[in-house]
């Protein structure tokens, strides 16, 4: 048994090794037919490799926090449930389509984008999350240190790019140029999800330079699924509760 386990680990059949060890120690091997034993070992190895690959994909995506489609709240009709669930199958990635999620601050735009991103990772797609301000800042630095083309190529390779909090501040000339290159490289080749507090109708003002804004929006918006969220900030509903709990603890003490 030890010799078999050693060989499995040397061949990096880690899931199979764990399953084999567990089966032998529990005595379940006496209940398995040879076919059932082989099936169990192969399925265990398959699951192990899938889970490790998923962990790597999620880590490489650089999400700020974890979320899942199952955790999305559809209370108070703040978002179209059917639309979100349709997009969660990630078929839009196969069709090279985009998603735009808009709504007031704290309403859950990023959470939905993360959930779809995690779902894409679980389906084997290459995903990358970027906060818009940090993205433009990092790309500006990349232009000065000579790594710009490398960074641009990395973004282009992603099958799904998430740009979060777009439009927090107007774009300067460098940021416009960066956004134009990113969108141009991805247009018709891969998908992008953009979240923003600013309605799409005002994105021209955010981007500036009418000609460039027209070119960028034409590539982003015309084939995009629009998720428009409504309602109050969820943070405002949570904060008073936390405040009351803190003061109640103080009164108890």
C-alpha atoms as a PDB file:
ATOM      1  CA  UNK A   1       0.000   0.000   0.000  1.00  0.00           C
ATOM      2  CA  UNK A   2       2.761   2.466   0.926  1.00  0.00           C
ATOM      3  CA  UNK A   3       4.620   1.658  -2.284  1.00  0.00           C
ATOM      4  CA  UNK A   4       1.486   2.297  -4.392  1.00  0.00           C
ATOM      5  CA  UNK A   5       0.800   5.571  -2.563  1.00  0.00           C
ATOM      6  CA  UNK A   6       4.401   6.676  -3.100  1.00  0.00           C
ATOM      7  CA  UNK A   7       4.167   6.001  -6.836  1.00  0.00           C
ATOM      8  CA  UNK A   8       0.840   7.856  -7.085  1.00  0.00           C
ATOM      9  CA  UNK A   9       2.352  10.905  -5.396  1.00  0.00           C
ATOM     10  CA  UNK A  10       5.439  10.786  -7.608  1.00  0.00           C
ATOM     11  CA  UNK A  11       3.123  10.841 -10.643  1.00  0.00           C
ATOM     12  CA  UNK A  12       1.252  13.728  -8.933  1.00  0.00           C
ATOM     13  CA  UNK A  13      -1.983  11.723  -8.734  1.00  0.00           C
ATOM     14  CA  UNK A  14      -2.743  13.451  -5.453  1.00  0.00           C
ATOM     15  CA  UNK A  15      -6.525  13.094  -5.516  1.00  0.00           C
ATOM     16  CA  UNK A  16      -6.215   9.436  -6.392  1.00  0.00           C
ATOM     17  CA  UNK A  17      -3.680   8.889  -3.616  1.00  0.00           C
ATOM     18  CA  UNK A  18      -5.959  10.457  -1.001  1.00  0.00           C
ATOM     19  CA  UNK A  19      -8.952   8.437  -2.180  1.00  0.00           C
ATOM     20  CA  UNK A  20      -6.945   5.203  -2.235  1.00  0.00           C
ATOM     21  CA  UNK A  21      -5.529   5.817   1.243  1.00  0.00           C
ATOM     22  CA  UNK A  22      -8.974   6.638   2.656  1.00  0.00           C
ATOM     23  CA  UNK A  23     -10.542   3.593   1.016  1.00  0.00           C
ATOM     24  CA  UNK A  24      -7.888   1.225   2.340  1.00  0.00           C
ATOM     25  CA  UNK A  25      -7.903   2.631   5.882  1.00  0.00           C
ATOM     26  CA  UNK A  26     -11.702   2.519   6.112  1.00  0.00           C
ATOM     27  CA  UNK A  27     -11.895  -1.014   4.722  1.00  0.00           C
ATOM     28  CA  UNK A  28     -14.288   0.032   1.943  1.00  0.00           C
ATOM     29  CA  UNK A  29     -12.091  -1.707  -0.614  1.00  0.00           C
ATOM     30  CA  UNK A  30     -13.715  -5.014   0.354  1.00  0.00           C
ATOM     31  CA  UNK A  31     -17.074  -3.618  -0.750  1.00  0.00           C
ATOM     32  CA  UNK A  32     -15.829  -2.355  -4.131  1.00  0.00           C
ATOM     33  CA  UNK A  33     -15.674  -4.396  -7.295  1.00  0.00           C
ATOM     34  CA  UNK A  34     -12.496  -3.730  -9.345  1.00  0.00           C
ATOM     35  CA  UNK A  35     -14.511  -1.548 -11.742  1.00  0.00           C
ATOM     36  CA  UNK A  36     -16.006   0.470  -8.878  1.00  0.00           C
ATOM     37  CA  UNK A  37     -12.581   0.917  -7.296  1.00  0.00           C
ATOM     38  CA  UNK A  38     -11.074   2.238 -10.540  1.00  0.00           C
ATOM     39  CA  UNK A  39     -14.067   4.539 -11.094  1.00  0.00           C
ATOM     40  CA  UNK A  40     -13.788   5.970  -7.571  1.00  0.00           C
ATOM     41  CA  UNK A  41     -10.056   6.625  -7.946  1.00  0.00           C
ATOM     42  CA  UNK A  42     -10.419   8.309 -11.339  1.00  0.00           C
ATOM     43  CA  UNK A  43     -13.329  10.481 -10.189  1.00  0.00           C
ATOM     44  CA  UNK A  44     -11.376  11.514  -7.095  1.00  0.00           C
ATOM     45  CA  UNK A  45      -8.382  12.505  -9.211  1.00  0.00           C
ATOM     46  CA  UNK A  46     -10.626  14.392 -11.637  1.00  0.00           C
ATOM     47  CA  UNK A  47     -12.310  16.332  -8.803  1.00  0.00           C
ATOM     48  CA  UNK A  48      -8.974  17.134  -7.186  1.00  0.00           C
ATOM     49  CA  UNK A  49      -7.490  18.500 -10.407  1.00  0.00           C
ATOM     50  CA  UNK A  50     -10.631  20.514 -11.153  1.00  0.00           C
ATOM     51  CA  UNK A  51     -10.631  22.077  -7.665  1.00  0.00           C
ATOM     52  CA  UNK A  52      -6.931  22.948  -7.849  1.00  0.00           C
ATOM     53  CA  UNK A  53      -7.372  24.483 -11.293  1.00  0.00           C
ATOM     54  CA  UNK A  54     -10.349  26.501 -10.044  1.00  0.00           C
ATOM     55  CA  UNK A  55      -8.348  27.764  -7.054  1.00  0.00           C
ATOM     56  CA  UNK A  56      -5.554  28.892  -9.380  1.00  0.00           C
ATOM     57  CA  UNK A  57      -8.009  30.595 -11.745  1.00  0.00           C
ATOM     58  CA  UNK A  58      -9.713  32.484  -8.916  1.00  0.00           C
ATOM     59  CA  UNK A  59      -6.343  33.511  -7.452  1.00  0.00           C
ATOM     60  CA  UNK A  60      -5.103  34.739 -10.837  1.00  0.00           C
ATOM     61  CA  UNK A  61      -8.334  36.694 -11.374  1.00  0.00           C
ATOM     62  CA  UNK A  62      -7.501  38.894  -8.327  1.00  0.00           C
ATOM     63  CA  UNK A  63     -11.085  39.329  -7.152  1.00  0.00           C
ATOM     64  CA  UNK A  64     -11.382  41.610  -4.144  1.00  0.00           C
ATOM     65  CA  UNK A  65     -13.715  39.152  -2.418  1.00  0.00           C
ATOM     66  CA  UNK A  66     -15.602  35.946  -3.122  1.00  0.00           C
ATOM     67  CA  UNK A  67     -19.181  35.845  -4.295  1.00  0.00           C
ATOM     68  CA  UNK A  68     -21.438  33.402  -6.074  1.00  0.00           C
ATOM     69  CA  UNK A  69     -24.590  33.547  -8.140  1.00  0.00           C
ATOM     70  CA  UNK A  70     -26.427  31.658  -5.375  1.00  0.00           C
ATOM     71  CA  UNK A  71     -25.641  34.504  -2.938  1.00  0.00           C
ATOM     72  CA  UNK A  72     -27.086  37.299  -5.087  1.00  0.00           C
ATOM     73  CA  UNK A  73     -30.098  38.941  -3.452  1.00  0.00           C
ATOM     74  CA  UNK A  74     -33.038  39.677  -5.737  1.00  0.00           C
ATOM     75  CA  UNK A  75     -35.131  41.337  -3.024  1.00  0.00           C
ATOM     76  CA  UNK A  76     -37.151  44.484  -3.780  1.00  0.00           C
ATOM     77  CA  UNK A  77     -36.736  43.984  -7.540  1.00  0.00           C
ATOM     78  CA  UNK A  78     -33.469  45.912  -7.486  1.00  0.00           C
ATOM     79  CA  UNK A  79     -32.226  43.783 -10.385  1.00  0.00           C
ATOM     80  CA  UNK A  80     -33.853  41.566 -13.042  1.00  0.00           C
ATOM     81  CA  UNK A  81     -33.425  38.032 -11.689  1.00  0.00           C
ATOM     82  CA  UNK A  82     -34.090  36.285 -14.994  1.00  0.00           C
ATOM     83  CA  UNK A  83     -31.543  38.439 -16.802  1.00  0.00           C
ATOM     84  CA  UNK A  84     -28.812  37.815 -14.236  1.00  0.00           C
ATOM     85  CA  UNK A  85     -29.425  34.064 -14.176  1.00  0.00           C
ATOM     86  CA  UNK A  86     -29.353  33.921 -17.978  1.00  0.00           C
ATOM     87  CA  UNK A  87     -26.004  35.705 -18.030  1.00  0.00           C
ATOM     88  CA  UNK A  88     -24.655  33.442 -15.272  1.00  0.00           C
ATOM     89  CA  UNK A  89     -24.418  30.558 -17.716  1.00  0.00           C
ATOM     90  CA  UNK A  90     -21.565  32.582 -19.319  1.00  0.00           C
ATOM     91  CA  UNK A  91     -22.729  31.904 -22.855  1.00  0.00           C
ATOM     92  CA  UNK A  92     -22.131  35.613 -23.484  1.00  0.00           C
ATOM     93  CA  UNK A  93     -18.394  34.860 -23.267  1.00  0.00           C
ATOM     94  CA  UNK A  94     -18.659  32.369 -26.108  1.00  0.00           C
ATOM     95  CA  UNK A  95     -20.457  35.032 -28.138  1.00  0.00           C
ATOM     96  CA  UNK A  96     -17.774  37.653 -27.241  1.00  0.00           C
ATOM     97  CA  UNK A  97     -20.415  39.969 -25.743  1.00  0.00           C
ATOM     98  CA  UNK A  98     -20.067  42.537 -22.954  1.00  0.00           C
ATOM     99  CA  UNK A  99     -22.017  43.324 -19.792  1.00  0.00           C
ATOM    100  CA  UNK A 100     -22.561  46.793 -18.315  1.00  0.00           C
ATOM    101  CA  UNK A 101     -23.822  47.002 -14.723  1.00  0.00           C
ATOM    102  CA  UNK A 102     -24.983  50.448 -13.543  1.00  0.00           C
ATOM    103  CA  UNK A 103     -26.620  51.731 -10.387  1.00  0.00           C
ATOM    104  CA  UNK A 104     -26.058  53.846  -7.297  1.00  0.00           C
ATOM    105  CA  UNK A 105     -23.159  53.234  -4.931  1.00  0.00           C
ATOM    106  CA  UNK A 106     -23.469  50.290  -2.560  1.00  0.00           C
ATOM    107  CA  UNK A 107     -26.331  48.638  -4.420  1.00  0.00           C
ATOM    108  CA  UNK A 108     -24.381  45.469  -5.280  1.00  0.00           C
ATOM    109  CA  UNK A 109     -23.007  46.057  -8.782  1.00  0.00           C
ATOM    110  CA  UNK A 110     -19.574  44.677  -7.972  1.00  0.00           C
ATOM    111  CA  UNK A 111     -21.045  41.661  -6.194  1.00  0.00           C
ATOM    112  CA  UNK A 112     -22.960  40.633  -9.318  1.00  0.00           C
ATOM    113  CA  UNK A 113     -19.879  41.165 -11.493  1.00  0.00           C
ATOM    114  CA  UNK A 114     -17.751  39.082  -9.108  1.00  0.00           C
ATOM    115  CA  UNK A 115     -20.373  36.334  -9.022  1.00  0.00           C
ATOM    116  CA  UNK A 116     -20.432  36.073 -12.818  1.00  0.00           C
ATOM    117  CA  UNK A 117     -16.626  36.209 -12.820  1.00  0.00           C
ATOM    118  CA  UNK A 118     -16.378  33.350 -10.333  1.00  0.00           C
ATOM    119  CA  UNK A 119     -18.861  31.374 -12.403  1.00  0.00           C
ATOM    120  CA  UNK A 120     -16.696  31.947 -15.484  1.00  0.00           C
ATOM    121  CA  UNK A 121     -13.651  30.666 -13.567  1.00  0.00           C
ATOM    122  CA  UNK A 122     -15.552  27.515 -12.604  1.00  0.00           C
ATOM    123  CA  UNK A 123     -16.303  26.938 -16.299  1.00  0.00           C
ATOM    124  CA  UNK A 124     -12.630  27.178 -17.202  1.00  0.00           C
ATOM    125  CA  UNK A 125     -12.445  30.717 -18.610  1.00  0.00           C
ATOM    126  CA  UNK A 126      -9.492  33.040 -18.005  1.00  0.00           C
ATOM    127  CA  UNK A 127     -10.746  35.955 -15.914  1.00  0.00           C
ATOM    128  CA  UNK A 128      -9.108  39.138 -14.609  1.00  0.00           C
ATOM    129  CA  UNK A 129     -10.561  41.710 -12.208  1.00  0.00           C
ATOM    130  CA  UNK A 130      -9.328  45.314 -12.315  1.00  0.00           C
ATOM    131  CA  UNK A 131     -10.454  48.395 -10.403  1.00  0.00           C
ATOM    132  CA  UNK A 132     -10.593  51.158 -13.020  1.00  0.00           C
ATOM    133  CA  UNK A 133      -8.532  53.743 -11.106  1.00  0.00           C
ATOM    134  CA  UNK A 134      -5.790  51.269 -10.247  1.00  0.00           C
ATOM    135  CA  UNK A 135      -5.821  49.855 -13.776  1.00  0.00           C
ATOM    136  CA  UNK A 136      -5.173  53.242 -15.386  1.00  0.00           C
ATOM    137  CA  UNK A 137      -2.570  54.134 -12.771  1.00  0.00           C
ATOM    138  CA  UNK A 138      -0.680  50.887 -13.235  1.00  0.00           C
ATOM    139  CA  UNK A 139      -0.758  51.165 -17.030  1.00  0.00           C
ATOM    140  CA  UNK A 140       0.661  54.690 -16.832  1.00  0.00           C
ATOM    141  CA  UNK A 141       3.560  53.376 -14.744  1.00  0.00           C
ATOM    142  CA  UNK A 142       4.009  50.516 -17.217  1.00  0.00           C
ATOM    143  CA  UNK A 143       4.515  53.056 -20.009  1.00  0.00           C
ATOM    144  CA  UNK A 144       7.426  54.597 -18.132  1.00  0.00           C
ATOM    145  CA  UNK A 145       9.167  51.355 -17.129  1.00  0.00           C
ATOM    146  CA  UNK A 146       8.812  49.623 -20.505  1.00  0.00           C
ATOM    147  CA  UNK A 147       6.342  46.920 -19.446  1.00  0.00           C
ATOM    148  CA  UNK A 148       3.280  48.479 -21.105  1.00  0.00           C
ATOM    149  CA  UNK A 149       3.029  46.081 -24.045  1.00  0.00           C
ATOM    150  CA  UNK A 150       3.456  43.101 -21.711  1.00  0.00           C
ATOM    151  CA  UNK A 151       0.630  44.341 -19.480  1.00  0.00           C
ATOM    152  CA  UNK A 152      -1.559  45.042 -22.491  1.00  0.00           C
ATOM    153  CA  UNK A 153      -0.946  41.540 -23.859  1.00  0.00           C
ATOM    154  CA  UNK A 154      -1.846  40.018 -20.474  1.00  0.00           C
ATOM    155  CA  UNK A 155      -5.183  41.838 -20.471  1.00  0.00           C
ATOM    156  CA  UNK A 156      -5.853  40.857 -24.076  1.00  0.00           C
ATOM    157  CA  UNK A 157      -5.378  37.149 -23.241  1.00  0.00           C
ATOM    158  CA  UNK A 158      -8.189  37.192 -20.692  1.00  0.00           C
ATOM    159  CA  UNK A 159     -11.451  35.755 -21.937  1.00  0.00           C
ATOM    160  CA  UNK A 160     -13.332  37.892 -19.414  1.00  0.00           C
ATOM    161  CA  UNK A 161     -12.125  41.248 -18.071  1.00  0.00           C
ATOM    162  CA  UNK A 162     -13.931  42.941 -15.158  1.00  0.00           C
ATOM    163  CA  UNK A 163     -13.452  46.716 -14.920  1.00  0.00           C
ATOM    164  CA  UNK A 164     -14.964  47.883 -11.631  1.00  0.00           C
ATOM    165  CA  UNK A 165     -16.121  51.406 -10.664  1.00  0.00           C
ATOM    166  CA  UNK A 166     -15.634  52.965 -14.071  1.00  0.00           C
ATOM    167  CA  UNK A 167     -16.275  56.711 -14.197  1.00  0.00           C
ATOM    168  CA  UNK A 168     -15.340  57.641 -10.622  1.00  0.00           C
ATOM    169  CA  UNK A 169     -13.361  60.508 -12.128  1.00  0.00           C
ATOM    170  CA  UNK A 170     -13.017  61.915 -15.670  1.00  0.00           C
ATOM    171  CA  UNK A 171     -10.292  60.332 -17.795  1.00  0.00           C
ATOM    172  CA  UNK A 172      -7.197  62.270 -18.734  1.00  0.00           C
ATOM    173  CA  UNK A 173      -5.491  61.878 -22.123  1.00  0.00           C
ATOM    174  CA  UNK A 174      -3.317  58.950 -20.979  1.00  0.00           C
ATOM    175  CA  UNK A 175      -6.228  57.060 -19.429  1.00  0.00           C
ATOM    176  CA  UNK A 176      -8.314  57.583 -22.571  1.00  0.00           C
ATOM    177  CA  UNK A 177      -5.499  56.169 -24.662  1.00  0.00           C
ATOM    178  CA  UNK A 178      -5.124  53.155 -22.359  1.00  0.00           C
ATOM    179  CA  UNK A 179      -8.867  52.426 -22.383  1.00  0.00           C
ATOM    180  CA  UNK A 180      -9.015  52.760 -26.155  1.00  0.00           C
ATOM    181  CA  UNK A 181      -6.176  50.268 -26.634  1.00  0.00           C
ATOM    182  CA  UNK A 182      -7.657  47.770 -24.173  1.00  0.00           C
ATOM    183  CA  UNK A 183     -11.123  47.914 -25.741  1.00  0.00           C
ATOM    184  CA  UNK A 184      -9.757  47.832 -29.293  1.00  0.00           C
ATOM    185  CA  UNK A 185      -7.642  44.739 -28.528  1.00  0.00           C
ATOM    186  CA  UNK A 186     -10.617  42.924 -27.013  1.00  0.00           C
ATOM    187  CA  UNK A 187     -13.337  43.983 -29.439  1.00  0.00           C
ATOM    188  CA  UNK A 188     -14.857  40.952 -31.138  1.00  0.00           C
ATOM    189  CA  UNK A 189     -12.339  38.615 -29.448  1.00  0.00           C
ATOM    190  CA  UNK A 190     -13.365  38.459 -25.799  1.00  0.00           C
ATOM    191  CA  UNK A 191     -15.828  39.791 -23.220  1.00  0.00           C
ATOM    192  CA  UNK A 192     -15.718  42.646 -20.723  1.00  0.00           C
ATOM    193  CA  UNK A 193     -17.883  43.450 -17.706  1.00  0.00           C
ATOM    194  CA  UNK A 194     -17.945  47.092 -16.615  1.00  0.00           C
ATOM    195  CA  UNK A 195     -19.590  48.367 -13.430  1.00  0.00           C
ATOM    196  CA  UNK A 196     -20.311  52.048 -12.945  1.00  0.00           C
ATOM    197  CA  UNK A 197     -22.251  54.459 -10.755  1.00  0.00           C
ATOM    198  CA  UNK A 198     -22.556  56.717 -13.795  1.00  0.00           C
ATOM    199  CA  UNK A 199     -25.350  56.067 -16.346  1.00  0.00           C
ATOM    200  CA  UNK A 200     -24.092  55.076 -19.788  1.00  0.00           C
ATOM    201  CA  UNK A 201     -25.648  58.252 -21.208  1.00  0.00           C
ATOM    202  CA  UNK A 202     -23.001  60.271 -19.329  1.00  0.00           C
ATOM    203  CA  UNK A 203     -19.976  58.179 -20.280  1.00  0.00           C
ATOM    204  CA  UNK A 204     -19.111  60.581 -23.096  1.00  0.00           C
ATOM    205  CA  UNK A 205     -18.451  63.252 -20.465  1.00  0.00           C
ATOM    206  CA  UNK A 206     -16.342  60.857 -18.381  1.00  0.00           C
ATOM    207  CA  UNK A 207     -14.186  59.740 -21.302  1.00  0.00           C
ATOM    208  CA  UNK A 208     -13.871  63.175 -22.924  1.00  0.00           C
ATOM    209  CA  UNK A 209     -12.572  63.823 -26.460  1.00  0.00           C
ATOM    210  CA  UNK A 210     -15.702  63.185 -28.524  1.00  0.00           C
ATOM    211  CA  UNK A 211     -14.059  61.170 -31.303  1.00  0.00           C
ATOM    212  CA  UNK A 212     -12.295  58.756 -28.949  1.00  0.00           C
ATOM    213  CA  UNK A 213     -15.377  58.478 -26.732  1.00  0.00           C
ATOM    214  CA  UNK A 214     -17.495  57.554 -29.756  1.00  0.00           C
ATOM    215  CA  UNK A 215     -14.981  54.878 -30.798  1.00  0.00           C
ATOM    216  CA  UNK A 216     -14.764  53.375 -27.300  1.00  0.00           C
ATOM    217  CA  UNK A 217     -18.513  53.359 -26.649  1.00  0.00           C
ATOM    218  CA  UNK A 218     -19.290  51.933 -30.069  1.00  0.00           C
ATOM    219  CA  UNK A 219     -17.113  48.916 -29.230  1.00  0.00           C
ATOM    220  CA  UNK A 220     -18.407  48.499 -25.671  1.00  0.00           C
ATOM    221  CA  UNK A 221     -22.091  49.346 -25.746  1.00  0.00           C
ATOM    222  CA  UNK A 222     -23.545  48.115 -29.040  1.00  0.00           C
ATOM    223  CA  UNK A 223     -23.374  44.400 -28.143  1.00  0.00           C
ATOM    224  CA  UNK A 224     -23.575  44.785 -24.353  1.00  0.00           C
ATOM    225  CA  UNK A 225     -26.137  43.336 -21.988  1.00  0.00           C
ATOM    226  CA  UNK A 226     -27.283  46.184 -19.731  1.00  0.00           C
ATOM    227  CA  UNK A 227     -28.035  45.432 -16.074  1.00  0.00           C
ATOM    228  CA  UNK A 228     -29.562  48.536 -14.502  1.00  0.00           C
ATOM    229  CA  UNK A 229     -29.894  48.220 -10.735  1.00  0.00           C
ATOM    230  CA  UNK A 230     -32.422  50.215  -8.723  1.00  0.00           C
ATOM    231  CA  UNK A 231     -32.961  51.056  -5.094  1.00  0.00           C
ATOM    232  CA  UNK A 232     -31.018  52.340  -2.109  1.00  0.00           C
ATOM    233  CA  UNK A 233     -27.515  51.454  -1.049  1.00  0.00           C
ATOM    234  CA  UNK A 234     -27.331  48.164   0.846  1.00  0.00           C
ATOM    235  CA  UNK A 235     -24.552  49.661   2.968  1.00  0.00           C
ATOM    236  CA  UNK A 236     -26.941  52.279   4.329  1.00  0.00           C
ATOM    237  CA  UNK A 237     -29.311  49.536   5.448  1.00  0.00           C
ATOM    238  CA  UNK A 238     -26.489  47.604   7.127  1.00  0.00           C
ATOM    239  CA  UNK A 239     -24.689  50.476   8.871  1.00  0.00           C
ATOM    240  CA  UNK A 240     -27.526  51.610  11.181  1.00  0.00           C
ATOM    241  CA  UNK A 241     -27.895  48.027  12.407  1.00  0.00           C
ATOM    242  CA  UNK A 242     -24.176  47.799  13.162  1.00  0.00           C
ATOM    243  CA  UNK A 243     -24.307  51.173  14.916  1.00  0.00           C
ATOM    244  CA  UNK A 244     -27.218  50.064  17.102  1.00  0.00           C
ATOM    245  CA  UNK A 245     -25.437  46.799  17.978  1.00  0.00           C
ATOM    246  CA  UNK A 246     -22.275  48.673  19.009  1.00  0.00           C
ATOM    247  CA  UNK A 247     -24.194  51.102  21.228  1.00  0.00           C
ATOM    248  CA  UNK A 248     -26.232  48.270  22.731  1.00  0.00           C
ATOM    249  CA  UNK A 249     -22.991  46.516  23.717  1.00  0.00           C
ATOM    250  CA  UNK A 250     -21.766  49.712  25.346  1.00  0.00           C
ATOM    251  CA  UNK A 251     -25.009  50.018  27.333  1.00  0.00           C
ATOM    252  CA  UNK A 252     -24.675  46.427  28.516  1.00  0.00           C
ATOM    253  CA  UNK A 253     -21.156  47.108  29.777  1.00  0.00           C
END
